[in-house]
Amino acid sequence: QVQLVESGGGLVQAGGSLRLSCAASLRSFSSMAMGWLRQAPGKEREFVTSITWSAGTTYYADSMKGRFTISRDSAKNTVYLQMNSLKPEDTAVYYCAVSRYYRIRYDSVMSFDYWGQGTQVTVSS
């Protein structure tokens, strides 16, 4: 059973910042990586970023590099997403996601097996 509790979404002006948090409760397995996906209205869900638990290897979608930073607190089983220089096109529902199985890379929607309910991020122009 997987429980993902996301927080930190909201409304921000373009150029502003937000920090998302996701606390994971994994009762029957240990995850290999966690990350964030997002889905804007009328668009498909897309990969944002991820981090592996063991080595802390990070992956970012090209459009987020340099603006978004993912980090982890292993003791709390929590990941964070610091989003800076936000743009209106970053408006979406952001989903915390868990990868249960080993994969060579964790850089796509298909890299993840579970995701949370999502938190809305709205960036006004």
Protein backbone atom coordinates (compact mmCIF):
# COMPACT_ATOMS: atom_id res chain seq x y z
CA GLN A 1 0.00 0.00 0.00
CA VAL A 2 1.28 3.43 -0.94
CA GLN A 3 0.24 6.73 0.55
CA LEU A 4 1.62 9.95 -0.87
CA VAL A 5 0.80 13.23 0.82
CA GLU A 6 1.56 16.27 -1.32
CA SER A 7 1.55 19.86 -0.16
CA GLY A 8 2.75 23.28 -1.17
CA GLY A 9 0.78 24.08 -4.27
CA GLY A 10 -0.94 27.40 -4.80
CA LEU A 11 -1.17 30.57 -6.81
CA VAL A 12 1.95 32.57 -7.62
CA GLN A 13 2.85 35.33 -10.03
CA ALA A 14 5.18 34.71 -12.93
CA GLY A 15 8.78 34.85 -11.78
CA GLY A 16 7.85 33.67 -8.32
CA SER A 17 8.69 30.51 -6.42
CA LEU A 18 6.91 27.61 -4.79
CA ARG A 19 8.09 24.58 -2.86
CA LEU A 20 6.22 21.31 -3.05
CA SER A 21 6.60 18.49 -0.56
CA CYS A 22 5.66 14.84 -0.75
CA ALA A 23 5.75 12.45 2.16
CA ALA A 24 5.60 8.79 1.21
CA SER A 25 4.30 5.92 3.27
CA LEU A 26 5.29 2.60 1.73
CA ARG A 27 4.06 -0.29 3.84
CA SER A 28 5.15 -3.26 1.76
CA PHE A 29 8.16 -2.22 -0.24
CA SER A 30 10.99 0.26 -0.56
CA SER A 31 10.96 2.55 -3.53
CA MET A 32 13.88 3.04 -5.89
CA ALA A 33 13.12 6.63 -6.74
CA MET A 34 10.57 9.37 -6.31
CA GLY A 35 9.69 12.26 -8.50
CA TRP A 36 7.15 14.66 -9.84
CA LEU A 37 4.90 14.55 -12.84
CA ARG A 38 2.52 17.26 -13.99
CA GLN A 39 -0.55 17.59 -16.12
CA ALA A 40 -1.86 20.81 -17.58
CA PRO A 41 -5.47 21.16 -18.77
CA GLY A 42 -5.96 19.45 -22.09
CA LYS A 43 -2.46 18.00 -22.12
CA GLU A 44 -0.92 14.66 -21.33
CA ARG A 45 0.84 14.00 -18.07
CA GLU A 46 4.54 14.78 -18.37
CA PHE A 47 7.70 14.05 -16.46
CA VAL A 48 9.13 16.89 -14.37
CA THR A 49 11.95 15.55 -12.22
CA SER A 50 13.05 12.61 -10.09
CA ILE A 51 15.66 11.52 -7.59
CA THR A 52 16.94 8.09 -6.64
CA TRP A 53 17.02 7.15 -2.99
CA SER A 54 20.36 5.38 -2.97
CA ALA A 55 22.70 7.65 -4.91
CA GLY A 56 20.62 10.80 -5.07
CA THR A 57 20.86 10.83 -8.85
CA THR A 58 18.56 13.46 -10.29
CA TYR A 59 16.77 13.76 -13.59
CA TYR A 60 15.05 16.82 -15.01
CA ALA A 61 12.91 17.52 -18.02
CA ASP A 62 14.73 19.98 -20.26
CA SER A 63 12.28 22.82 -19.69
CA MET A 64 12.78 22.62 -15.91
CA LYS A 65 16.56 22.50 -15.80
CA GLY A 66 17.99 25.45 -13.98
CA ARG A 67 14.63 26.46 -12.52
CA PHE A 68 13.47 23.42 -10.57
CA THR A 69 15.41 21.53 -7.92
CA ILE A 70 14.45 18.20 -6.39
CA SER A 71 15.82 17.05 -3.06
CA ARG A 72 15.14 14.28 -0.60
CA ASP A 73 15.11 13.61 3.11
CA SER A 74 15.58 9.88 3.45
CA ALA A 75 14.86 9.86 7.16
CA LYS A 76 11.44 11.35 6.52
CA ASN A 77 10.79 9.51 3.25
CA THR A 78 10.05 12.91 1.79
CA VAL A 79 10.95 14.64 -1.43
CA TYR A 80 10.82 18.34 -2.16
CA LEU A 81 10.47 20.30 -5.36
CA GLN A 82 11.75 23.85 -5.29
CA MET A 83 10.35 25.74 -8.27
CA ASN A 84 11.86 29.12 -9.14
CA SER A 85 11.30 31.54 -12.00
CA LEU A 86 7.86 30.11 -12.54
CA LYS A 87 6.12 30.73 -15.84
CA PRO A 88 2.43 30.65 -16.75
CA GLU A 89 3.12 27.50 -18.75
CA ASP A 90 4.13 25.77 -15.52
CA THR A 91 0.49 25.89 -14.47
CA ALA A 92 -0.63 22.30 -13.91
CA VAL A 93 -1.56 19.71 -11.35
CA TYR A 94 1.68 18.35 -9.94
CA TYR A 95 1.75 14.70 -8.90
CA CYS A 96 4.22 13.09 -6.58
CA ALA A 97 5.25 9.70 -7.95
CA VAL A 98 7.02 6.59 -6.74
CA SER A 99 9.06 4.08 -8.68
CA ARG A 100 8.89 0.69 -7.06
CA TYR A 101 11.16 -1.22 -9.39
CA TYR A 102 14.73 -0.79 -10.54
CA ARG A 103 15.06 0.97 -13.87
CA ILE A 104 18.09 2.12 -15.77
CA ARG A 105 16.74 5.66 -15.75
CA TYR A 106 13.88 7.47 -14.06
CA ASP A 107 13.13 10.18 -16.57
CA SER A 108 9.70 9.55 -17.98
CA VAL A 109 6.11 9.06 -16.90
CA MET A 110 6.59 5.34 -17.47
CA SER A 111 9.34 5.27 -14.84
CA PHE A 112 6.78 5.46 -12.05
CA ASP A 113 4.33 2.98 -10.61
CA TYR A 114 2.29 5.05 -8.19
CA TRP A 115 1.33 8.68 -7.87
CA GLY A 116 -0.55 10.86 -5.48
CA GLN A 117 -3.72 12.91 -5.73
CA GLY A 118 -1.91 15.94 -7.05
CA THR A 119 -1.58 19.54 -5.98
CA GLN A 120 -2.55 22.50 -8.13
CA VAL A 121 0.08 25.04 -9.14
CA THR A 122 -1.20 28.15 -10.88
CA VAL A 123 1.16 30.79 -12.24
CA SER A 124 -0.43 34.06 -13.22
CA SER A 125 1.04 36.35 -15.84
